[in-house]
């Protein structure tokens, strides 16, 4: 009887330890959340959680960059990158987005694990020649910052379903609606969304840099 009681006590002790380790709160000051839906609700998910392997990821893609080279999701595997959406003739927010992307480029130009990716939302206008000219005007460093163009439907689909970049589409579901967003989206080494920022605001750019440093500590 005493042996049975001791065994029960041991099992109870082990159960308590395992329960604590599974339910222990994540330190949110040292870990970035994941974003799995278009409403951008942050979710802190531990590696031991049942849904960890079902975290939303950016879908496979293949576009053409400013040098006429094919750039795919394979190029970004194992890298942290910041994605945004622009068009070369944009007179409003795009010049600000480009300026702030340039600042990120300067900050991480010697860090091979940080990349930048800007998608044209007017690929029917933004030819390779225009994309290249825009890259030169913004001092884009090849292999660090990719400006890409491609099929309109493919770009719009990945913007809406992978990056959740089109706020109007959430309301209207109108696929013909033009995408115009100021969001910078932070993607981790496994293609998962870890942060969303207003690319026109200096304060948000500082927050983005801080979050990149937090993310780098995960790997």
N, C-alpha and C. Protein backbone atom coordinates (compact mmCIF):
# COMPACT_ATOMS: atom_id res chain seq x y z
N UNK A 1 0.84 -1.22 0.00
CA UNK A 1 0.00 0.00 0.00
C UNK A 1 0.87 1.26 0.00
N UNK A 2 1.94 1.24 0.84
CA UNK A 2 2.82 2.40 0.92
C UNK A 2 3.51 2.64 -0.42
N UNK A 3 3.87 1.54 -1.09
CA UNK A 3 4.52 1.66 -2.39
C UNK A 3 3.59 2.31 -3.41
N UNK A 4 2.33 1.92 -3.36
CA UNK A 4 1.34 2.49 -4.28
C UNK A 4 1.17 3.98 -4.02
N UNK A 5 1.12 4.34 -2.72
CA UNK A 5 0.98 5.76 -2.35
C UNK A 5 2.18 6.55 -2.84
N UNK A 6 3.39 5.98 -2.68
CA UNK A 6 4.60 6.66 -3.13
C UNK A 6 4.60 6.84 -4.64
N UNK A 7 4.17 5.79 -5.35
CA UNK A 7 4.13 5.87 -6.81
C UNK A 7 3.14 6.92 -7.28
N UNK A 8 1.99 7.00 -6.60
CA UNK A 8 1.00 8.02 -6.93
C UNK A 8 1.56 9.41 -6.70
N UNK A 9 2.32 9.56 -5.62
CA UNK A 9 2.92 10.86 -5.29
C UNK A 9 3.93 11.27 -6.36
N UNK A 10 4.72 10.30 -6.81
CA UNK A 10 5.71 10.57 -7.84
C UNK A 10 5.03 10.98 -9.15
N UNK A 11 4.00 10.23 -9.54
CA UNK A 11 3.27 10.54 -10.76
C UNK A 11 2.61 11.93 -10.68
N UNK A 12 2.09 12.24 -9.52
CA UNK A 12 1.46 13.55 -9.32
C UNK A 12 2.49 14.65 -9.45
N UNK A 13 3.68 14.42 -8.88
CA UNK A 13 4.76 15.41 -8.94
C UNK A 13 5.19 15.65 -10.39
N UNK A 14 5.36 14.54 -11.14
CA UNK A 14 5.75 14.66 -12.54
C UNK A 14 4.68 15.35 -13.36
N UNK A 15 3.43 15.04 -13.06
CA UNK A 15 2.31 15.67 -13.76
C UNK A 15 2.32 17.18 -13.54
N UNK A 16 2.58 17.60 -12.32
CA UNK A 16 2.60 19.02 -11.99
C UNK A 16 3.72 19.74 -12.75
N UNK A 17 4.90 19.06 -12.82
CA UNK A 17 6.04 19.67 -13.52
C UNK A 17 5.72 19.84 -15.00
N UNK A 18 5.18 18.77 -15.61
CA UNK A 18 4.84 18.82 -17.03
C UNK A 18 3.74 19.84 -17.31
N UNK A 19 2.78 19.91 -16.44
CA UNK A 19 1.68 20.87 -16.62
C UNK A 19 2.19 22.29 -16.55
N UNK A 20 3.12 22.51 -15.61
CA UNK A 20 3.67 23.85 -15.46
C UNK A 20 4.46 24.26 -16.69
N UNK A 21 5.26 23.29 -17.20
CA UNK A 21 6.10 23.60 -18.36
C UNK A 21 5.25 23.88 -19.59
N UNK A 22 4.09 23.21 -19.68
CA UNK A 22 3.23 23.39 -20.85
C UNK A 22 2.40 24.66 -20.77
N UNK A 23 2.10 25.08 -19.58
CA UNK A 23 1.22 26.23 -19.42
C UNK A 23 1.99 27.50 -19.01
N UNK A 24 3.30 27.35 -18.83
CA UNK A 24 4.11 28.49 -18.43
C UNK A 24 3.95 29.63 -19.43
N UNK A 25 3.75 30.82 -18.94
CA UNK A 25 3.50 31.96 -19.81
C UNK A 25 4.76 32.33 -20.59
N UNK A 26 4.55 32.74 -21.84
CA UNK A 26 5.65 33.20 -22.69
C UNK A 26 6.00 34.63 -22.29
N UNK A 27 7.28 34.94 -22.24
CA UNK A 27 7.74 36.29 -21.93
C UNK A 27 7.52 37.16 -23.17
N UNK A 28 6.46 37.94 -23.16
CA UNK A 28 6.08 38.71 -24.34
C UNK A 28 7.03 39.87 -24.62
N UNK A 29 7.86 40.21 -23.65
CA UNK A 29 8.83 41.29 -23.88
C UNK A 29 10.04 40.79 -24.66
N UNK A 30 10.20 39.46 -24.73
CA UNK A 30 11.37 38.88 -25.40
C UNK A 30 10.99 38.00 -26.59
N UNK A 31 9.72 37.88 -26.87
CA UNK A 31 9.25 37.04 -27.97
C UNK A 31 8.18 37.76 -28.77
N UNK A 32 8.28 37.70 -30.08
CA UNK A 32 7.28 38.34 -30.93
C UNK A 32 6.10 37.39 -31.16
N UNK A 33 4.91 37.94 -31.35
CA UNK A 33 3.74 37.10 -31.63
C UNK A 33 3.72 36.64 -33.07
N UNK A 34 2.76 35.79 -33.40
CA UNK A 34 2.49 35.38 -34.77
C UNK A 34 1.16 36.01 -35.18
N UNK A 35 0.99 36.21 -36.49
CA UNK A 35 -0.26 36.76 -37.01
C UNK A 35 -0.84 35.76 -38.01
N UNK A 36 -2.01 35.22 -37.68
CA UNK A 36 -2.59 34.15 -38.47
C UNK A 36 -3.84 34.55 -39.24
N UNK A 37 -4.27 35.80 -39.10
CA UNK A 37 -5.51 36.22 -39.77
C UNK A 37 -5.42 37.67 -40.20
N UNK A 38 -6.34 38.06 -41.07
CA UNK A 38 -6.31 39.40 -41.64
C UNK A 38 -6.66 40.50 -40.65
N UNK A 39 -7.17 40.14 -39.46
CA UNK A 39 -7.44 41.17 -38.47
C UNK A 39 -6.21 41.47 -37.62
N UNK A 40 -5.11 40.79 -37.92
CA UNK A 40 -3.83 41.02 -37.24
C UNK A 40 -3.93 40.92 -35.72
N UNK A 41 -4.61 39.90 -35.25
CA UNK A 41 -4.64 39.63 -33.81
C UNK A 41 -3.35 38.91 -33.43
N UNK A 42 -2.55 39.49 -32.52
CA UNK A 42 -1.29 38.83 -32.15
C UNK A 42 -1.53 37.57 -31.33
N UNK A 43 -0.78 36.52 -31.65
CA UNK A 43 -0.88 35.25 -30.92
C UNK A 43 0.51 34.78 -30.52
N UNK A 44 0.72 34.64 -29.22
CA UNK A 44 1.98 34.09 -28.75
C UNK A 44 1.82 32.58 -28.63
N UNK A 45 2.53 31.84 -29.45
CA UNK A 45 2.37 30.39 -29.54
C UNK A 45 3.71 29.72 -29.25
N UNK A 46 3.75 28.88 -28.24
CA UNK A 46 4.99 28.21 -27.88
C UNK A 46 5.25 27.04 -28.82
N UNK A 47 6.49 26.60 -28.88
CA UNK A 47 6.87 25.50 -29.77
C UNK A 47 6.23 24.19 -29.36
N UNK A 48 5.78 24.12 -28.11
CA UNK A 48 5.15 22.89 -27.63
C UNK A 48 3.64 22.89 -27.84
N UNK A 49 3.11 24.01 -28.32
CA UNK A 49 1.66 24.11 -28.51
C UNK A 49 1.20 23.22 -29.67
N UNK A 50 -0.01 22.70 -29.55
CA UNK A 50 -0.55 21.79 -30.57
C UNK A 50 -0.67 22.46 -31.94
N UNK A 51 -0.91 23.77 -31.96
CA UNK A 51 -1.11 24.47 -33.23
C UNK A 51 0.15 25.14 -33.76
N UNK A 52 1.30 24.86 -33.16
CA UNK A 52 2.55 25.52 -33.58
C UNK A 52 2.86 25.23 -35.06
N UNK A 53 2.65 24.01 -35.48
CA UNK A 53 2.96 23.63 -36.86
C UNK A 53 1.89 24.07 -37.86
N UNK A 54 0.85 24.72 -37.36
CA UNK A 54 -0.21 25.20 -38.25
C UNK A 54 -0.23 26.73 -38.34
N UNK A 55 0.85 27.36 -37.89
CA UNK A 55 0.94 28.82 -37.96
C UNK A 55 0.94 29.26 -39.43
N UNK A 56 0.24 30.34 -39.72
CA UNK A 56 0.13 30.87 -41.09
C UNK A 56 1.50 31.20 -41.67
N UNK A 57 1.69 30.83 -42.95
CA UNK A 57 2.94 31.13 -43.65
C UNK A 57 2.64 31.81 -44.99
N UNK A 58 3.60 32.59 -45.46
CA UNK A 58 3.49 33.20 -46.78
C UNK A 58 3.55 32.08 -47.82
N UNK A 59 2.63 32.11 -48.76
CA UNK A 59 2.56 31.07 -49.79
C UNK A 59 3.76 31.15 -50.74
N UNK A 60 4.10 30.06 -51.41
CA UNK A 60 5.18 30.09 -52.40
C UNK A 60 4.91 31.14 -53.47
N UNK A 61 5.96 31.81 -53.91
CA UNK A 61 5.80 32.85 -54.94
C UNK A 61 7.01 32.84 -55.87
N UNK A 62 6.83 33.49 -57.01
CA UNK A 62 7.91 33.63 -57.98
C UNK A 62 7.65 34.91 -58.79
N UNK A 63 8.53 35.91 -58.60
CA UNK A 63 8.40 37.18 -59.30
C UNK A 63 9.74 37.56 -59.94
N UNK A 64 9.75 38.69 -60.65
CA UNK A 64 10.96 39.15 -61.32
C UNK A 64 11.45 40.44 -60.68
N UNK A 65 12.73 40.50 -60.33
CA UNK A 65 13.24 41.69 -59.64
C UNK A 65 13.79 42.73 -60.62
N UNK A 66 14.34 43.80 -60.06
CA UNK A 66 14.79 44.95 -60.85
C UNK A 66 15.89 44.61 -61.85
N UNK A 67 16.55 43.49 -61.67
CA UNK A 67 17.62 43.08 -62.59
C UNK A 67 17.17 42.00 -63.57
N UNK A 68 15.85 41.74 -63.58
CA UNK A 68 15.31 40.75 -64.49
C UNK A 68 15.53 39.33 -64.02
N UNK A 69 15.92 39.16 -62.76
CA UNK A 69 16.14 37.82 -62.21
C UNK A 69 14.91 37.32 -61.47
N UNK A 70 14.67 36.02 -61.56
CA UNK A 70 13.55 35.41 -60.86
C UNK A 70 13.86 35.34 -59.37
N UNK A 71 12.92 35.83 -58.57
CA UNK A 71 13.05 35.79 -57.11
C UNK A 71 11.87 34.99 -56.57
N UNK A 72 12.14 33.96 -55.80
CA UNK A 72 11.08 33.14 -55.25
C UNK A 72 11.19 33.06 -53.73
N UNK A 73 10.22 32.41 -53.12
CA UNK A 73 10.25 32.24 -51.66
C UNK A 73 11.49 31.46 -51.22
N UNK A 74 12.05 30.64 -52.11
CA UNK A 74 13.25 29.88 -51.79
C UNK A 74 14.41 30.81 -51.44
N UNK A 75 14.42 31.98 -52.10
CA UNK A 75 15.48 32.95 -51.87
C UNK A 75 15.46 33.49 -50.45
N UNK A 76 14.28 33.45 -49.82
CA UNK A 76 14.12 34.05 -48.49
C UNK A 76 14.10 33.02 -47.37
N UNK A 77 14.24 31.75 -47.72
CA UNK A 77 14.24 30.71 -46.69
C UNK A 77 15.44 30.89 -45.76
N UNK A 78 15.18 30.85 -44.46
CA UNK A 78 16.25 31.03 -43.49
C UNK A 78 16.64 32.47 -43.29
N UNK A 79 15.91 33.40 -43.90
CA UNK A 79 16.19 34.83 -43.77
C UNK A 79 15.01 35.53 -43.08
N UNK A 80 15.31 36.61 -42.40
CA UNK A 80 14.29 37.53 -41.90
C UNK A 80 14.12 38.59 -42.98
N UNK A 81 12.87 38.91 -43.34
CA UNK A 81 12.72 39.96 -44.34
C UNK A 81 11.52 40.86 -44.05
N UNK A 82 11.59 42.07 -44.62
CA UNK A 82 10.51 43.05 -44.50
C UNK A 82 9.89 43.22 -45.88
N UNK A 83 8.57 43.06 -45.97
CA UNK A 83 7.87 43.16 -47.25
C UNK A 83 6.96 44.38 -47.26
N UNK A 84 6.80 44.98 -48.44
CA UNK A 84 5.82 46.05 -48.59
C UNK A 84 5.32 46.06 -50.03
N UNK A 85 4.42 47.02 -50.35
CA UNK A 85 3.79 47.11 -51.66
C UNK A 85 3.82 48.56 -52.12
N UNK A 86 4.13 48.78 -53.40
CA UNK A 86 4.34 50.13 -53.91
C UNK A 86 4.03 50.16 -55.41
N UNK A 87 4.13 51.35 -56.00
CA UNK A 87 4.19 51.46 -57.47
C UNK A 87 5.01 52.69 -57.80
N UNK A 88 5.72 52.64 -58.90
CA UNK A 88 6.75 53.65 -59.19
C UNK A 88 6.20 55.05 -59.41
N UNK A 89 4.95 55.16 -59.84
CA UNK A 89 4.39 56.49 -60.12
C UNK A 89 3.59 57.06 -58.95
N UNK A 90 3.60 56.37 -57.83
CA UNK A 90 2.85 56.80 -56.65
C UNK A 90 3.41 58.12 -56.12
N UNK A 91 2.56 59.17 -56.00
CA UNK A 91 3.03 60.47 -55.55
C UNK A 91 2.87 60.71 -54.04
N UNK A 92 2.20 59.77 -53.35
CA UNK A 92 1.84 60.04 -51.96
C UNK A 92 2.71 59.26 -50.97
N UNK A 93 2.27 58.07 -50.57
CA UNK A 93 2.98 57.36 -49.51
C UNK A 93 4.21 56.60 -49.99
N UNK A 94 4.26 56.21 -51.27
CA UNK A 94 5.35 55.37 -51.74
C UNK A 94 6.74 55.99 -51.60
N UNK A 95 6.91 57.29 -51.90
CA UNK A 95 8.23 57.88 -51.68
C UNK A 95 8.67 57.79 -50.21
N UNK A 96 7.72 57.89 -49.30
CA UNK A 96 8.04 57.79 -47.87
C UNK A 96 8.41 56.35 -47.53
N UNK A 97 7.65 55.40 -48.09
CA UNK A 97 7.95 53.99 -47.86
C UNK A 97 9.34 53.66 -48.39
N UNK A 98 9.65 54.15 -49.58
CA UNK A 98 10.96 53.89 -50.17
C UNK A 98 12.08 54.49 -49.33
N UNK A 99 11.85 55.69 -48.81
CA UNK A 99 12.85 56.35 -47.97
C UNK A 99 13.11 55.53 -46.71
N UNK A 100 12.04 55.02 -46.11
CA UNK A 100 12.22 54.25 -44.87
C UNK A 100 12.78 52.85 -45.14
N UNK A 101 12.45 52.27 -46.30
CA UNK A 101 13.09 51.01 -46.68
C UNK A 101 14.60 51.24 -46.88
N UNK A 102 14.94 52.40 -47.45
CA UNK A 102 16.36 52.74 -47.65
C UNK A 102 17.09 52.82 -46.31
N UNK A 103 16.40 53.35 -45.31
CA UNK A 103 17.01 53.43 -43.98
C UNK A 103 17.24 52.03 -43.40
N UNK A 104 16.26 51.14 -43.63
CA UNK A 104 16.44 49.76 -43.17
C UNK A 104 17.60 49.10 -43.92
N UNK A 105 17.68 49.38 -45.23
CA UNK A 105 18.77 48.84 -46.02
C UNK A 105 20.12 49.28 -45.47
N UNK A 106 20.23 50.54 -45.14
CA UNK A 106 21.48 51.08 -44.59
C UNK A 106 21.80 50.44 -43.24
N UNK A 107 20.77 50.26 -42.42
CA UNK A 107 20.94 49.67 -41.09
C UNK A 107 21.45 48.23 -41.17
N UNK A 108 20.95 47.47 -42.15
CA UNK A 108 21.26 46.04 -42.21
C UNK A 108 22.05 45.65 -43.46
N UNK A 109 22.72 46.60 -44.07
CA UNK A 109 23.40 46.31 -45.34
C UNK A 109 24.50 45.26 -45.19
N UNK A 110 25.06 45.12 -44.00
CA UNK A 110 26.12 44.14 -43.79
C UNK A 110 25.63 42.87 -43.09
N UNK A 111 24.31 42.78 -42.91
CA UNK A 111 23.71 41.61 -42.27
C UNK A 111 23.07 40.75 -43.35
N UNK A 112 23.73 39.65 -43.69
CA UNK A 112 23.25 38.80 -44.79
C UNK A 112 21.94 38.08 -44.48
N UNK A 113 21.54 38.10 -43.20
CA UNK A 113 20.32 37.39 -42.80
C UNK A 113 19.07 38.27 -42.82
N UNK A 114 19.24 39.56 -43.21
CA UNK A 114 18.10 40.48 -43.29
C UNK A 114 17.94 40.93 -44.74
N UNK A 115 16.73 40.74 -45.30
CA UNK A 115 16.45 41.14 -46.67
C UNK A 115 15.20 42.02 -46.72
N UNK A 116 15.02 42.70 -47.86
CA UNK A 116 13.87 43.57 -48.09
C UNK A 116 13.19 43.15 -49.39
N UNK A 117 11.86 43.24 -49.42
CA UNK A 117 11.10 42.81 -50.60
C UNK A 117 9.94 43.76 -50.84
N UNK A 118 9.97 44.48 -51.98
CA UNK A 118 8.91 45.41 -52.34
C UNK A 118 8.21 44.94 -53.61
N UNK A 119 6.87 44.80 -53.52
CA UNK A 119 6.08 44.30 -54.64
C UNK A 119 5.39 45.46 -55.35
N UNK A 120 5.47 45.51 -56.67
CA UNK A 120 4.71 46.51 -57.42
C UNK A 120 3.25 46.09 -57.48
N UNK A 121 2.35 47.02 -57.15
CA UNK A 121 0.91 46.74 -57.26
C UNK A 121 0.35 47.27 -58.58
N UNK A 122 1.25 47.77 -59.45
CA UNK A 122 0.86 48.17 -60.80
C UNK A 122 1.80 47.53 -61.81
N UNK A 123 1.85 46.21 -61.83
CA UNK A 123 2.80 45.54 -62.72
C UNK A 123 2.52 45.79 -64.19
N UNK A 124 1.29 46.18 -64.54
CA UNK A 124 0.96 46.47 -65.93
C UNK A 124 1.58 47.81 -66.37
N UNK A 125 2.03 48.59 -65.40
CA UNK A 125 2.71 49.87 -65.68
C UNK A 125 4.20 49.77 -65.37
N UNK A 126 4.51 49.08 -64.28
CA UNK A 126 5.90 48.99 -63.81
C UNK A 126 6.67 47.92 -64.55
N UNK A 127 7.19 48.31 -65.71
CA UNK A 127 8.03 47.42 -66.51
C UNK A 127 9.37 47.24 -65.81
N UNK A 128 10.18 46.32 -66.30
CA UNK A 128 11.51 46.12 -65.72
C UNK A 128 12.35 47.39 -65.80
N UNK A 129 12.19 48.12 -66.91
CA UNK A 129 12.94 49.36 -67.07
C UNK A 129 12.57 50.37 -65.99
N UNK A 130 11.28 50.48 -65.72
CA UNK A 130 10.83 51.43 -64.70
C UNK A 130 11.25 50.99 -63.29
N UNK A 131 11.15 49.68 -63.04
CA UNK A 131 11.56 49.15 -61.74
C UNK A 131 13.05 49.40 -61.52
N UNK A 132 13.84 49.17 -62.57
CA UNK A 132 15.29 49.37 -62.47
C UNK A 132 15.61 50.84 -62.22
N UNK A 133 14.93 51.72 -62.93
CA UNK A 133 15.15 53.17 -62.75
C UNK A 133 14.79 53.57 -61.32
N UNK A 134 13.69 53.04 -60.81
CA UNK A 134 13.25 53.33 -59.44
C UNK A 134 14.28 52.81 -58.44
N UNK A 135 14.85 51.65 -58.72
CA UNK A 135 15.87 51.07 -57.84
C UNK A 135 17.11 51.96 -57.79
N UNK A 136 17.52 52.45 -58.94
CA UNK A 136 18.70 53.32 -59.00
C UNK A 136 18.44 54.62 -58.24
N UNK A 137 17.25 55.19 -58.44
CA UNK A 137 16.89 56.44 -57.76
C UNK A 137 16.87 56.30 -56.25
N UNK A 138 16.59 55.09 -55.77
CA UNK A 138 16.50 54.86 -54.33
C UNK A 138 17.71 54.10 -53.77
N UNK A 139 18.79 54.07 -54.57
CA UNK A 139 20.07 53.48 -54.13
C UNK A 139 19.90 52.05 -53.61
N UNK A 140 19.10 51.28 -54.33
CA UNK A 140 18.85 49.89 -53.93
C UNK A 140 20.12 49.06 -54.10
N UNK A 141 20.45 48.29 -53.08
CA UNK A 141 21.58 47.37 -53.13
C UNK A 141 21.07 46.01 -53.63
N UNK A 142 21.61 45.57 -54.74
CA UNK A 142 21.20 44.28 -55.31
C UNK A 142 21.46 43.16 -54.31
N UNK A 143 20.57 42.20 -54.28
CA UNK A 143 20.62 41.04 -53.38
C UNK A 143 20.31 41.38 -51.92
N UNK A 144 20.08 42.63 -51.65
CA UNK A 144 19.65 43.04 -50.30
C UNK A 144 18.18 43.46 -50.35
N UNK A 145 17.85 44.27 -51.34
CA UNK A 145 16.49 44.80 -51.49
C UNK A 145 15.98 44.46 -52.88
N UNK A 146 14.95 43.65 -52.95
CA UNK A 146 14.39 43.22 -54.22
C UNK A 146 13.09 43.98 -54.49
N UNK A 147 13.05 44.67 -55.62
CA UNK A 147 11.83 45.30 -56.12
C UNK A 147 11.28 44.35 -57.17
N UNK A 148 10.07 43.84 -56.97
CA UNK A 148 9.59 42.80 -57.88
C UNK A 148 8.30 43.19 -58.59
N UNK A 149 8.18 42.66 -59.80
CA UNK A 149 6.97 42.80 -60.59
C UNK A 149 6.60 41.42 -61.11
N UNK A 150 5.41 41.31 -61.68
CA UNK A 150 4.96 40.01 -62.16
C UNK A 150 3.50 40.05 -62.55
N UNK A 151 2.87 38.90 -62.52
CA UNK A 151 1.46 38.80 -62.86
C UNK A 151 0.60 39.52 -61.83
N UNK A 152 -0.31 40.35 -62.30
CA UNK A 152 -1.15 41.16 -61.41
C UNK A 152 -1.93 40.30 -60.42
N UNK A 153 -2.58 39.26 -60.91
CA UNK A 153 -3.40 38.42 -60.04
C UNK A 153 -2.56 37.71 -58.97
N UNK A 154 -1.36 37.28 -59.35
CA UNK A 154 -0.50 36.59 -58.39
C UNK A 154 -0.03 37.54 -57.29
N UNK A 155 0.33 38.76 -57.67
CA UNK A 155 0.77 39.74 -56.67
C UNK A 155 -0.37 40.11 -55.74
N UNK A 156 -1.55 40.35 -56.31
CA UNK A 156 -2.69 40.74 -55.49
C UNK A 156 -3.15 39.60 -54.58
N UNK A 157 -3.06 38.40 -55.08
CA UNK A 157 -3.47 37.26 -54.27
C UNK A 157 -2.54 37.07 -53.07
N UNK A 158 -1.25 37.17 -53.31
CA UNK A 158 -0.31 36.97 -52.20
C UNK A 158 -0.37 38.14 -51.23
N UNK A 159 -0.65 39.33 -51.75
CA UNK A 159 -0.79 40.50 -50.86
C UNK A 159 -1.96 40.30 -49.91
N UNK A 160 -3.06 39.78 -50.44
CA UNK A 160 -4.29 39.66 -49.64
C UNK A 160 -4.32 38.41 -48.77
N UNK A 161 -3.87 37.29 -49.30
CA UNK A 161 -4.03 36.04 -48.57
C UNK A 161 -2.81 35.63 -47.77
N UNK A 162 -1.63 36.14 -48.13
CA UNK A 162 -0.41 35.77 -47.40
C UNK A 162 0.03 36.87 -46.44
N UNK A 163 0.08 38.12 -46.94
CA UNK A 163 0.55 39.23 -46.11
C UNK A 163 -0.59 40.00 -45.44
N UNK A 164 -1.83 39.70 -45.81
CA UNK A 164 -3.00 40.41 -45.27
C UNK A 164 -2.83 41.92 -45.44
N UNK A 165 -2.35 42.32 -46.63
CA UNK A 165 -1.93 43.70 -46.84
C UNK A 165 -3.02 44.63 -47.35
N UNK A 166 -4.18 44.10 -47.71
CA UNK A 166 -5.23 44.93 -48.29
C UNK A 166 -6.41 45.08 -47.33
N UNK A 167 -6.44 46.16 -46.57
CA UNK A 167 -7.49 46.37 -45.57
C UNK A 167 -8.87 46.52 -46.19
N UNK A 168 -8.95 47.15 -47.35
CA UNK A 168 -10.24 47.35 -48.00
C UNK A 168 -10.86 46.02 -48.45
N UNK A 169 -9.99 45.08 -48.85
CA UNK A 169 -10.49 43.80 -49.33
C UNK A 169 -11.21 43.03 -48.22
N UNK A 170 -10.80 43.26 -46.97
CA UNK A 170 -11.46 42.61 -45.84
C UNK A 170 -12.95 42.97 -45.81
N UNK A 171 -13.25 44.20 -46.18
CA UNK A 171 -14.62 44.69 -46.10
C UNK A 171 -15.42 44.39 -47.37
N UNK A 172 -14.80 44.64 -48.53
CA UNK A 172 -15.54 44.57 -49.78
C UNK A 172 -15.44 43.22 -50.50
N UNK A 173 -14.30 42.51 -50.31
CA UNK A 173 -14.03 41.26 -51.03
C UNK A 173 -14.05 41.48 -52.54
N UNK A 174 -13.77 42.72 -52.95
CA UNK A 174 -13.75 43.06 -54.37
C UNK A 174 -12.34 42.85 -54.92
N UNK A 175 -12.18 41.81 -55.74
CA UNK A 175 -10.86 41.46 -56.26
C UNK A 175 -10.32 42.49 -57.24
N UNK A 176 -11.19 43.35 -57.75
CA UNK A 176 -10.74 44.38 -58.69
C UNK A 176 -10.25 45.63 -58.00
N UNK A 177 -10.41 45.68 -56.69
CA UNK A 177 -10.00 46.86 -55.92
C UNK A 177 -8.49 47.03 -55.96
N UNK A 178 -8.03 48.26 -56.11
CA UNK A 178 -6.60 48.57 -56.17
C UNK A 178 -5.99 48.50 -54.77
N UNK A 179 -4.83 47.86 -54.65
CA UNK A 179 -4.16 47.75 -53.35
C UNK A 179 -3.26 48.95 -53.13
N UNK A 180 -3.44 49.60 -52.00
CA UNK A 180 -2.59 50.74 -51.64
C UNK A 180 -2.45 50.72 -50.12
N UNK A 181 -1.33 50.21 -49.64
CA UNK A 181 -1.14 50.05 -48.20
C UNK A 181 0.20 50.61 -47.76
N UNK A 182 0.22 51.15 -46.55
CA UNK A 182 1.46 51.68 -45.99
C UNK A 182 2.16 50.67 -45.08
N UNK A 183 1.65 49.45 -45.02
CA UNK A 183 2.19 48.45 -44.10
C UNK A 183 3.56 47.92 -44.51
N UNK A 184 4.45 47.80 -43.52
CA UNK A 184 5.65 47.00 -43.62
C UNK A 184 5.34 45.72 -42.84
N UNK A 185 5.62 44.57 -43.43
CA UNK A 185 5.31 43.29 -42.79
C UNK A 185 6.61 42.55 -42.50
N UNK A 186 6.80 42.18 -41.24
CA UNK A 186 8.01 41.48 -40.82
C UNK A 186 7.79 39.97 -40.89
N UNK A 187 8.65 39.29 -41.65
CA UNK A 187 8.53 37.84 -41.87
C UNK A 187 9.75 37.14 -41.28
N UNK A 188 9.51 36.04 -40.58
CA UNK A 188 10.63 35.33 -39.96
C UNK A 188 11.26 34.32 -40.91
N UNK A 189 12.24 33.58 -40.43
CA UNK A 189 13.02 32.67 -41.27
C UNK A 189 12.21 31.50 -41.82
N UNK A 190 11.01 31.29 -41.27
CA UNK A 190 10.16 30.21 -41.74
C UNK A 190 8.94 30.71 -42.50
N UNK A 191 8.98 32.01 -42.88
CA UNK A 191 7.92 32.56 -43.70
C UNK A 191 6.66 32.94 -42.94
N UNK A 192 6.77 33.20 -41.64
CA UNK A 192 5.61 33.52 -40.81
C UNK A 192 5.60 35.00 -40.46
N UNK A 193 4.41 35.59 -40.39
CA UNK A 193 4.28 37.02 -40.06
C UNK A 193 4.52 37.22 -38.57
N UNK A 194 5.46 38.14 -38.24
CA UNK A 194 5.79 38.39 -36.84
C UNK A 194 5.56 39.84 -36.43
N UNK A 195 5.21 40.71 -37.38
CA UNK A 195 4.95 42.10 -37.02
C UNK A 195 4.41 42.88 -38.20
N UNK A 196 3.61 43.91 -37.91
CA UNK A 196 3.03 44.78 -38.93
C UNK A 196 3.22 46.22 -38.47
N UNK A 197 3.69 47.09 -39.37
CA UNK A 197 4.09 48.44 -38.99
C UNK A 197 3.65 49.44 -40.05
N UNK A 198 3.40 50.67 -39.62
CA UNK A 198 3.10 51.74 -40.56
C UNK A 198 4.43 52.25 -41.12
N UNK A 199 4.68 51.94 -42.38
CA UNK A 199 5.96 52.27 -42.99
C UNK A 199 6.20 53.74 -43.21
N UNK A 200 5.21 54.59 -42.93
CA UNK A 200 5.40 56.04 -43.09
C UNK A 200 5.76 56.73 -41.79
N UNK A 201 5.73 56.00 -40.68
CA UNK A 201 5.95 56.61 -39.37
C UNK A 201 7.32 56.26 -38.79
N UNK A 202 8.09 57.27 -38.42
CA UNK A 202 9.43 57.06 -37.86
C UNK A 202 9.37 56.22 -36.60
N UNK A 203 8.34 56.44 -35.79
CA UNK A 203 8.21 55.69 -34.54
C UNK A 203 8.02 54.20 -34.81
N UNK A 204 7.24 53.89 -35.84
CA UNK A 204 7.02 52.48 -36.18
C UNK A 204 8.26 51.84 -36.79
N UNK A 205 9.06 52.62 -37.50
CA UNK A 205 10.31 52.10 -38.05
C UNK A 205 11.27 51.75 -36.91
N UNK A 206 11.29 52.56 -35.87
CA UNK A 206 12.11 52.25 -34.70
C UNK A 206 11.63 50.97 -34.03
N UNK A 207 10.31 50.82 -33.95
CA UNK A 207 9.72 49.62 -33.35
C UNK A 207 10.07 48.39 -34.19
N UNK A 208 10.03 48.55 -35.51
CA UNK A 208 10.38 47.46 -36.42
C UNK A 208 11.83 47.01 -36.20
N UNK A 209 12.73 47.97 -36.09
CA UNK A 209 14.14 47.63 -35.86
C UNK A 209 14.32 46.90 -34.54
N UNK A 210 13.61 47.35 -33.54
CA UNK A 210 13.69 46.69 -32.23
C UNK A 210 13.18 45.26 -32.31
N UNK A 211 12.12 45.08 -33.08
CA UNK A 211 11.54 43.74 -33.22
C UNK A 211 12.43 42.82 -34.06
N UNK A 212 13.13 43.38 -35.01
CA UNK A 212 14.07 42.57 -35.80
C UNK A 212 15.16 42.01 -34.88
N UNK A 213 15.63 42.85 -33.97
CA UNK A 213 16.66 42.39 -33.03
C UNK A 213 16.13 41.30 -32.11
N UNK A 214 14.88 41.43 -31.69
CA UNK A 214 14.26 40.39 -30.85
C UNK A 214 14.15 39.09 -31.65
N UNK A 215 13.72 39.22 -32.91
CA UNK A 215 13.53 38.05 -33.75
C UNK A 215 14.85 37.33 -34.02
N UNK A 216 15.92 38.10 -34.17
CA UNK A 216 17.23 37.50 -34.44
C UNK A 216 17.68 36.61 -33.29
N UNK A 217 17.21 36.90 -32.09
CA UNK A 217 17.60 36.12 -30.92
C UNK A 217 16.93 34.74 -30.90
N UNK A 218 15.89 34.57 -31.70
CA UNK A 218 15.20 33.28 -31.75
C UNK A 218 16.00 32.22 -32.49
N UNK A 219 16.95 32.67 -33.32
CA UNK A 219 17.61 31.73 -34.21
C UNK A 219 19.10 31.64 -33.92
